[in-house]
Protein backbone atom coordinates (compact mmCIF):
# COMPACT_ATOMS: atom_id res chain seq x y z
CA MET A 1 -92.94 90.92 95.01
CA PRO A 2 -93.94 93.72 97.69
CA CYS A 3 -95.31 92.82 100.96
CA ARG A 4 -98.64 92.89 101.17
CA PHE A 5 -98.62 93.48 105.31
CA LEU A 6 -100.34 96.70 106.31
CA HIS A 7 -98.92 99.10 109.07
CA ARG A 8 -100.20 102.30 110.06
CA ILE A 9 -98.36 105.25 110.19
CA ALA A 10 -98.26 107.82 112.55
CA LEU A 11 -98.43 111.61 111.70
CA ALA A 12 -96.64 114.45 113.29
CA SER A 13 -97.12 118.57 112.40
CA ALA A 14 -93.89 119.40 112.69
CA LEU A 15 -91.01 118.63 110.06
CA ILE A 16 -89.63 115.02 111.50
CA CYS A 17 -87.56 112.48 110.35
CA LEU A 18 -87.57 108.45 111.13
CA PRO A 19 -84.85 106.64 111.24
CA THR A 20 -84.78 102.70 110.24
CA VAL A 21 -86.47 101.38 113.29
CA THR A 22 -87.72 97.58 114.42
CA ASN A 23 -91.41 96.75 116.45
CA ALA A 24 -92.85 99.73 118.50
CA ASP A 25 -89.58 101.57 119.04
CA ILE A 26 -89.95 104.95 117.27
CA ALA A 27 -87.55 107.46 117.10
CA PHE A 28 -88.37 110.94 116.18
CA THR A 29 -86.14 113.99 115.10
CA ARG A 30 -87.06 117.62 115.19
CA ILE A 31 -85.93 119.52 111.53
CA ALA A 32 -87.47 122.17 111.99
CA ASP A 33 -90.01 123.64 113.96
CA THR A 34 -92.29 127.11 115.33
CA SER A 35 -89.13 127.50 117.65
CA THR A 36 -86.34 127.58 115.33
CA LEU A 37 -84.60 130.15 114.18
CA ILE A 38 -84.68 130.82 110.20
CA PRO A 39 -80.63 129.68 108.67
CA GLY A 40 -79.35 133.47 108.67
CA THR A 41 -82.09 135.68 110.26
CA GLN A 42 -83.60 136.15 114.20
CA ILE A 43 -86.68 135.29 112.55
CA ALA A 44 -88.46 132.16 113.74
CA PHE A 45 -90.35 129.98 111.24
CA GLN A 46 -94.12 130.27 110.89
CA GLY A 47 -94.75 127.66 108.60
CA PHE A 48 -93.94 124.69 106.60
CA THR A 49 -94.97 123.11 102.83
CA PRO A 50 -94.41 119.35 102.53
CA PRO A 51 -91.33 118.24 102.46
CA SER A 52 -89.05 116.16 100.12
CA ILE A 53 -87.09 113.69 100.90
CA ARG A 54 -84.21 111.45 99.74
CA ASN A 55 -81.94 109.43 100.66
CA GLY A 56 -81.88 111.32 104.30
CA GLU A 57 -81.85 114.63 103.24
CA LEU A 58 -84.66 116.87 103.14
CA ALA A 59 -85.44 120.39 101.59
CA PHE A 60 -89.20 122.65 102.21
CA THR A 61 -90.09 126.05 101.54
CA GLY A 62 -91.65 128.24 105.08
CA GLY A 63 -90.89 131.60 106.60
CA GLY A 64 -91.95 133.80 108.89
CA GLY A 65 -93.37 136.02 106.92
CA SER A 66 -93.66 137.38 103.89
CA VAL A 67 -90.10 139.17 104.68
CA SER A 68 -88.49 135.69 105.44
CA GLU A 69 -89.92 133.39 103.19
CA GLY A 70 -87.02 130.53 101.24
CA VAL A 71 -86.46 127.16 100.25
CA TYR A 72 -84.60 125.07 102.92
CA SER A 73 -82.50 122.25 102.98
CA THR A 74 -80.63 119.61 105.31
CA VAL A 75 -77.74 119.13 102.71
CA GLY A 76 -74.97 120.16 105.26
CA GLY A 77 -77.04 120.94 107.91
CA LEU A 78 -80.15 123.25 107.49
CA HIS A 79 -79.53 126.01 105.56
CA THR A 80 -81.05 128.22 102.79
CA VAL A 81 -81.50 127.60 99.21
CA ALA A 82 -82.93 130.66 98.40
CA ASP A 83 -85.38 132.91 99.91
CA VAL A 84 -86.77 136.52 99.13
CA SER A 85 -82.89 138.54 99.25
CA THR A 86 -81.81 135.92 96.83
CA THR A 87 -81.35 137.67 93.35
CA PHE A 88 -83.67 136.37 91.08
CA PRO A 89 -80.87 135.12 88.19
CA GLY A 90 -80.88 136.90 85.10
CA SER A 91 -82.19 140.11 86.68
CA ALA A 92 -81.86 142.65 89.75
CA SER A 93 -84.44 141.98 91.18
CA ASN A 94 -85.16 139.21 94.09
CA PHE A 95 -87.29 135.91 94.16
CA SER A 96 -91.06 136.96 95.30
CA ASP A 97 -92.25 133.51 96.49
CA PHE A 98 -91.36 129.77 95.55
CA GLY A 99 -94.69 128.19 95.01
CA SER A 100 -95.55 125.19 97.21
CA SER A 101 -93.42 122.22 96.33
CA VAL A 102 -90.53 121.79 96.35
CA SER A 103 -88.02 118.24 95.25
CA THR A 104 -84.70 116.95 96.41
CA ASP A 105 -82.38 114.01 94.99
CA GLY A 106 -80.53 114.39 98.37
CA SER A 107 -78.14 116.73 97.09
CA SER A 108 -79.71 119.37 95.24
CA VAL A 109 -83.36 120.71 95.54
CA ALA A 110 -85.00 122.04 92.80
CA PHE A 111 -88.43 124.46 92.89
CA PHE A 112 -90.15 126.99 91.19
CA GLY A 113 -89.66 130.61 92.22
CA ARG A 114 -91.20 133.86 90.36
CA SER A 115 -89.76 137.71 90.55
CA SER A 116 -91.53 140.87 88.75
CA PHE A 117 -94.02 139.61 85.96
CA PRO A 118 -93.04 138.07 83.66
CA GLN A 119 -89.83 136.14 85.76
CA GLN A 120 -90.33 132.64 86.62
CA GLY A 121 -89.33 129.50 86.43
CA ALA A 122 -87.79 126.25 87.70
CA PHE A 123 -84.10 126.14 89.35
CA VAL A 124 -81.71 123.41 90.86
CA GLY A 125 -80.21 124.63 94.05
CA ASN A 126 -76.93 123.63 95.26
CA GLY A 127 -74.53 126.25 96.24
CA GLN A 128 -75.77 128.33 93.87
CA ILE A 129 -78.89 128.41 91.10
CA GLN A 130 -79.17 127.06 88.14
CA VAL A 131 -81.91 127.91 86.15
CA ILE A 132 -83.35 125.06 84.03
CA VAL A 133 -85.88 126.85 82.84
CA ASN A 134 -87.43 130.34 83.25
CA GLN A 135 -89.52 132.51 80.79
CA ASP A 136 -86.75 132.85 77.68
CA THR A 137 -86.31 129.17 77.54
CA LEU A 138 -87.80 128.07 74.22
CA ILE A 139 -89.68 125.29 74.61
CA PRO A 140 -88.82 121.67 73.18
CA GLN A 141 -90.43 120.82 69.73
CA GLY A 142 -93.17 123.80 70.37
CA ALA A 143 -93.62 127.58 69.62
CA GLY A 144 -91.58 130.86 71.56
CA THR A 145 -90.94 130.47 75.47
CA PHE A 146 -92.05 129.37 78.18
CA THR A 147 -94.79 131.29 79.64
CA GLY A 148 -94.81 128.53 83.29
CA ALA A 149 -93.16 125.89 84.72
CA GLY A 150 -93.73 123.91 87.49
CA PRO A 151 -93.68 122.10 89.97
CA ALA A 152 -89.88 120.66 89.04
CA LEU A 153 -88.96 117.25 90.40
CA ILE A 154 -84.88 116.31 90.46
CA ARG A 155 -83.88 112.38 90.58
CA ASP A 156 -79.98 111.94 90.15
CA GLY A 157 -79.13 115.60 88.38
CA GLN A 158 -81.62 115.33 86.12
CA VAL A 159 -85.13 117.39 86.49
CA ALA A 160 -88.53 116.97 84.79
CA PHE A 161 -91.61 119.02 84.73
CA LYS A 162 -94.77 120.48 83.64
CA GLY A 163 -94.43 123.64 80.78
CA ALA A 164 -96.74 126.07 79.99
CA GLY A 165 -96.70 128.46 76.31
CA ALA A 166 -98.35 130.61 74.83
CA SER A 167 -101.17 129.27 72.34
CA VAL A 168 -101.79 127.36 75.30
CA GLN A 169 -99.20 125.87 75.18
CA ARG A 170 -98.90 122.39 77.34
CA GLY A 171 -96.18 119.70 77.80
CA ILE A 172 -93.84 117.39 80.15
CA TYR A 173 -89.95 118.21 79.94
CA ARG A 174 -87.43 116.61 81.50
CA THR A 175 -83.17 117.72 81.06
CA THR A 176 -80.98 115.69 79.07
CA GLN A 177 -77.11 115.67 78.63
CA SER A 178 -77.83 118.00 75.46
CA GLY A 179 -80.51 119.89 76.90
CA LEU A 180 -84.27 120.31 77.57
CA ALA A 181 -86.15 117.62 75.69
CA ARG A 182 -90.21 117.26 75.37
CA VAL A 183 -91.57 113.88 77.07
CA ALA A 184 -94.97 114.76 75.47
CA ASP A 185 -96.79 117.89 74.35
CA LYS A 186 -100.56 118.71 73.30
CA THR A 187 -99.36 117.54 69.44
CA THR A 188 -98.30 114.36 70.76
CA SER A 189 -100.88 111.27 69.82
CA ILE A 190 -101.66 109.43 72.93
CA PRO A 191 -100.39 105.66 72.57
CA ASP A 192 -103.29 103.25 72.24
CA TRP A 193 -105.72 106.11 72.29
CA ASN A 194 -107.33 107.95 70.07
CA GLY A 195 -106.43 111.65 69.57
CA GLU A 196 -104.17 113.92 71.41
CA PHE A 197 -103.45 114.86 74.74
CA LEU A 198 -105.11 117.72 76.36
CA ASP A 199 -103.65 118.07 79.44
CA PHE A 200 -100.87 116.07 81.97
CA LYS A 201 -101.73 115.78 85.51
CA ASN A 202 -99.74 113.38 89.03
CA LEU A 203 -96.17 114.05 86.97
CA SER A 204 -93.77 111.50 89.14
CA PHE A 205 -90.17 110.96 88.30
CA ASP A 206 -87.71 108.86 89.33
CA GLY A 207 -84.57 109.67 86.33
CA SER A 208 -85.29 106.33 84.25
CA GLN A 209 -88.56 107.27 83.66
CA ALA A 210 -91.52 110.73 83.74
CA ALA A 211 -94.56 109.40 84.23
CA PHE A 212 -98.11 110.87 84.28
CA VAL A 213 -101.62 110.45 83.99
CA GLY A 214 -103.00 112.13 80.38
CA TRP A 215 -106.11 113.62 79.38
CA GLY A 216 -107.54 113.37 76.05
CA GLN A 217 -111.35 113.09 74.81
CA VAL A 218 -112.81 109.80 76.23
CA PRO A 219 -116.55 108.38 75.93
CA PHE A 220 -119.71 110.57 77.60
CA GLY A 221 -122.58 108.63 76.23
CA GLN A 222 -122.68 109.86 72.15
CA ASP A 223 -120.48 112.09 72.74
CA THR A 224 -116.93 112.39 74.24
CA ILE A 225 -115.76 114.86 77.46
CA PRO A 226 -112.41 115.37 78.61
CA GLY A 227 -110.97 112.76 81.00
CA SER A 228 -108.27 110.67 82.36
CA VAL A 229 -107.50 108.67 79.93
CA GLY A 230 -104.90 106.75 81.44
CA VAL A 231 -101.25 106.42 83.02
CA TYR A 232 -97.96 107.06 80.58
CA SER A 233 -94.40 106.71 81.19
CA SER A 234 -90.87 107.26 79.70
CA LEU A 235 -89.31 104.55 80.51
CA GLY A 236 -86.67 103.08 77.66
CA GLY A 237 -86.69 106.66 76.20
CA THR A 238 -90.33 106.14 74.38
CA LEU A 239 -93.87 107.18 75.40
CA GLN A 240 -95.87 103.96 76.36
CA ALA A 241 -98.93 103.77 78.01
CA VAL A 242 -98.73 101.42 81.51
CA ALA A 243 -102.36 101.17 81.44
CA ASP A 244 -105.55 103.47 80.56
CA ARG A 245 -109.53 103.00 80.06
CA ASN A 246 -109.42 99.57 78.08
CA THR A 247 -107.58 98.06 80.50
CA THR A 248 -108.92 95.30 82.86
CA VAL A 249 -108.03 95.59 86.53
CA PRO A 250 -106.00 92.95 87.65
CA GLY A 251 -107.83 90.08 89.02
CA GLY A 252 -111.18 91.63 88.34
CA THR A 253 -113.41 91.83 85.61
CA GLY A 254 -113.87 95.44 85.59
CA GLN A 255 -112.16 98.18 83.18
CA MET A 256 -109.98 100.74 84.83
CA ARG A 257 -111.08 104.51 85.21
CA THR A 258 -110.73 107.76 86.85
CA PHE A 259 -106.57 107.72 86.96
CA SER A 260 -105.45 110.04 89.86
CA ASP A 261 -102.48 109.64 91.90
CA ILE A 262 -99.13 108.39 90.84
CA ALA A 263 -95.71 107.45 91.48
CA ALA A 264 -92.49 106.55 90.36
CA ASP A 265 -89.59 104.95 91.69
CA ASP A 266 -86.52 103.25 89.78
CA GLY A 267 -88.42 102.51 86.47
CA ASP A 268 -91.19 101.17 88.81
CA LEU A 269 -94.58 102.97 89.49
CA ALA A 270 -97.69 102.68 91.47
CA PHE A 271 -101.12 104.68 90.84
CA ILE A 272 -104.76 105.26 92.03
CA HIS A 273 -107.55 104.38 89.52
CA GLY A 274 -111.45 103.26 89.77
CA SER A 275 -112.90 101.20 87.89
CA THR A 276 -115.85 100.48 85.49
CA ASP A 277 -116.97 98.16 89.19
CA PHE A 278 -116.97 101.17 91.22
CA GLU A 279 -113.85 99.91 93.56
CA ASP A 280 -110.80 102.30 94.11
CA SER A 281 -107.60 100.36 93.83
CA ILE A 282 -103.47 101.10 94.49
CA THR A 283 -101.95 98.89 91.33
CA ALA A 284 -98.19 98.33 90.93
CA TRP A 285 -95.96 98.46 87.52
CA PHE A 286 -93.69 95.70 88.06
CA ASP A 287 -91.12 94.47 85.84
CA GLY A 288 -93.71 95.32 83.52
CA GLU A 289 -96.49 93.65 84.66
CA LEU A 290 -99.89 95.34 86.81
CA GLN A 291 -100.59 93.60 90.18
CA VAL A 292 -103.33 95.04 92.36
CA LEU A 293 -102.20 96.38 95.82
CA VAL A 294 -104.73 97.89 97.69
CA ASN A 295 -108.54 98.10 96.89
CA ASP A 296 -111.89 98.24 98.38
CA GLU A 297 -111.80 94.80 99.54
CA THR A 298 -108.51 95.65 101.67
CA ILE A 299 -108.84 94.83 105.63
CA ILE A 300 -107.72 98.10 107.44
CA PRO A 301 -104.67 97.38 110.15
CA ASP A 302 -106.47 97.10 113.48
CA SER A 303 -109.94 98.12 112.51
CA GLY A 304 -111.70 94.52 113.07
CA GLY A 305 -112.59 93.87 109.96
CA VAL A 306 -113.59 97.15 108.01
CA PRO A 307 -112.50 97.38 104.45
CA PHE A 308 -110.84 101.10 103.05
CA PHE A 309 -113.53 103.20 101.32
CA SER A 310 -110.99 105.76 99.62
CA LEU A 311 -107.35 105.85 99.16
CA GLY A 312 -105.22 108.77 97.95
CA LEU A 313 -101.36 109.96 98.78
CA VAL A 314 -99.35 106.90 97.26
CA ALA A 315 -96.05 107.19 97.13
CA LEU A 316 -93.58 104.44 96.33
CA SER A 317 -89.71 104.00 97.55
CA GLU A 318 -88.03 100.36 96.64
CA ARG A 319 -91.00 98.71 96.08
CA ASN A 320 -92.59 99.49 99.35
CA ILE A 321 -95.82 101.46 99.28
CA VAL A 322 -97.14 104.24 101.39
CA PHE A 323 -100.73 105.62 101.12
CA GLY A 324 -103.72 107.18 102.40
CA GLY A 325 -107.12 105.39 103.42
CA ALA A 326 -110.33 106.48 104.91
CA ASP A 327 -113.50 104.91 105.94
CA PHE A 328 -115.83 107.36 106.34
CA SER A 329 -118.54 105.00 108.02
CA THR A 330 -116.13 104.88 111.15
CA ASP A 331 -114.89 108.34 110.51
CA ARG A 332 -111.23 106.71 110.34
CA SER A 333 -108.47 107.77 108.08
CA GLY A 334 -104.65 107.41 108.27
CA ILE A 335 -101.48 107.01 106.12
CA TYR A 336 -100.70 103.01 106.19
CA ALA A 337 -97.77 101.14 104.03
């Protein structure tokens, strides 16, 4: 069972590491800030995107302007994985930009990169740049080659990403020992629902499963409109519905609605959803069972009895949940665990 004690976490604007601590003792380690020179240059960082962390190692994109944008990792010390001076694989041109999202599994870094049109794709860097998918890669069980991919997520050396192709093809794909494989695309029937997927949001990946919020046609009066149908997982190799609009909120009477943020870890899931009772909740899927961890009745720590009004930014590690929460009546917001 997960711990239900909530703690407030302080935030800082630089890239930092927060080691395991007890009581109120918190020690921060600077990874990089605007006084740090970009590896291999005499230019200081001017900005950073949100970092990815795994097994104590970080990866992030940052730069000191358009001439020094790149992907950076702390594995073996702060270093450049790829930047705008790095040759785009299979091309005579260099990378031109890297988007705003990277992922690390503690040894390698997965990232999106682009050069001159139409050269773009998802890559893994670990001493050398490996192409996961680019404009020449055939779409598994699809037609033609990919026209877009990203963001890419990596865990235990395996990668998952959302990809696109001509004629509005979209899907979730992952690497396997035999090559790229489709998890789901717009020709895939939605488990326990009518119709096929229309789109895929909020991909999360833990090596054992690719999980996402699936969109399809949902009821709207006497008609249907596109909307979030549910949360889906490929755990065990078969796509399954973890929860959808027919699922009753555990311990409640309303049915789930408006699925949003999602996090996967070691076969577990946590996700945010609304309900027909107009209540936002964070629900966990542990050992195949659903349980509500936080909802609109949960009291914000150190608030004097004020409950959460909104929830977001969920993360999951070893059944520890980290999330963003707010109460607009008191202008209180923060990150909680």
